[in-house]
Protein backbone atom coordinates (compact mmCIF):
# COMPACT_ATOMS: atom_id res chain seq x y z
CA MET A 1 37.05 227.28 97.55
CA ILE A 2 36.82 230.87 98.78
CA THR A 3 39.26 232.02 101.43
CA THR A 4 38.44 235.41 102.92
CA ILE A 5 41.61 237.46 103.31
CA GLU A 6 39.91 240.67 104.46
CA ALA A 7 36.23 240.52 105.45
CA ASP A 8 34.02 241.40 102.46
CA ARG A 9 36.93 243.19 100.75
CA TYR A 10 39.47 240.59 99.58
CA PHE A 11 38.93 236.96 98.61
CA HIS A 12 41.25 234.22 97.33
CA ILE A 13 39.56 231.68 95.07
CA THR A 14 40.78 228.28 93.93
CA GLY A 15 38.99 225.58 92.03
CA LEU A 16 39.39 222.60 89.75
CA THR A 17 36.44 223.04 87.40
CA THR A 18 35.19 226.02 85.42
CA THR A 19 31.77 225.78 87.05
CA GLU A 20 33.24 225.70 90.56
CA ILE A 21 35.49 228.70 89.85
CA GLU A 22 32.72 230.73 88.21
CA ASP A 23 30.35 230.05 91.14
CA GLU A 24 32.96 231.04 93.71
CA ILE A 25 33.93 234.20 91.80
CA SER A 26 30.25 235.15 91.51
CA THR A 27 29.78 234.70 95.26
CA ALA A 28 32.89 236.74 96.10
CA VAL A 29 31.89 239.53 93.69
CA SER A 30 28.42 239.69 95.25
CA LEU A 31 29.92 239.95 98.75
CA ALA A 32 32.36 242.64 97.60
CA HIS A 33 29.54 244.64 95.95
CA ILE A 34 27.59 244.62 99.21
CA HIS A 35 30.58 246.07 101.04
CA ALA A 36 31.29 248.56 98.22
CA LYS A 37 27.77 249.97 98.59
CA SER A 38 28.48 250.84 102.23
CA ASP A 39 31.76 252.59 101.29
CA GLY A 40 30.48 254.12 98.05
CA TRP A 41 33.81 254.76 96.34
CA GLU A 42 35.53 251.51 95.32
CA GLY A 43 34.94 249.11 92.46
CA VAL A 44 35.59 245.36 92.27
CA LEU A 45 38.66 243.82 90.66
CA VAL A 46 38.76 240.14 89.62
CA THR A 47 42.31 238.93 88.93
CA ARG A 48 43.38 235.64 87.32
CA HIS A 49 46.79 234.69 88.71
CA GLU A 50 47.09 231.27 87.08
CA PRO A 51 44.69 228.54 86.00
CA GLY A 52 42.33 227.88 88.90
CA VAL A 53 43.66 230.72 91.08
CA TYR A 54 41.86 234.07 91.30
CA THR A 55 41.41 236.98 93.67
CA VAL A 56 38.41 239.27 94.05
CA ASN A 57 38.93 242.54 95.89
CA LEU A 58 37.68 246.06 96.31
CA SER A 59 40.00 248.54 94.63
CA SER A 60 40.24 252.32 94.73
CA GLU A 61 41.67 252.09 91.19
CA ILE A 62 38.29 250.87 89.91
CA PRO A 63 35.38 253.34 89.86
CA TYR A 64 32.47 252.63 92.18
CA GLY A 65 29.83 250.41 90.55
CA ILE A 66 32.29 248.84 88.10
CA THR A 67 33.68 245.29 88.10
CA THR A 68 36.90 244.84 86.09
CA GLU A 69 38.87 241.73 85.21
CA ARG A 70 42.62 241.41 84.70
CA ASN A 71 44.88 238.51 83.84
CA LEU A 72 48.31 238.21 85.49
CA ASP A 73 48.92 234.67 84.19
CA SER A 74 52.11 235.00 82.13
CA ARG A 75 51.37 231.66 80.47
CA THR A 76 48.33 233.10 78.70
CA LYS A 77 49.07 234.42 75.23
CA HIS A 78 47.72 237.86 74.46
CA PHE A 79 46.76 238.70 70.90
CA HIS A 80 46.26 242.26 69.65
């Protein structure tokens, strides 16, 4: 399920299946890219907060035309 927090700029996504989550993230990223084109200076950030909980938002920290992912889920092990 996509919940719009800020119109075409910030979305909260929850889902139970991988397919559902991927579809919702794809939709939110597409909507954010449309808005980014009108602004012309922000990129898109996809953040995993925990299993099944993501946000998609425009970010001035991400260069225009770029989509970046980050993982804030402390339960996920990171290997170097």
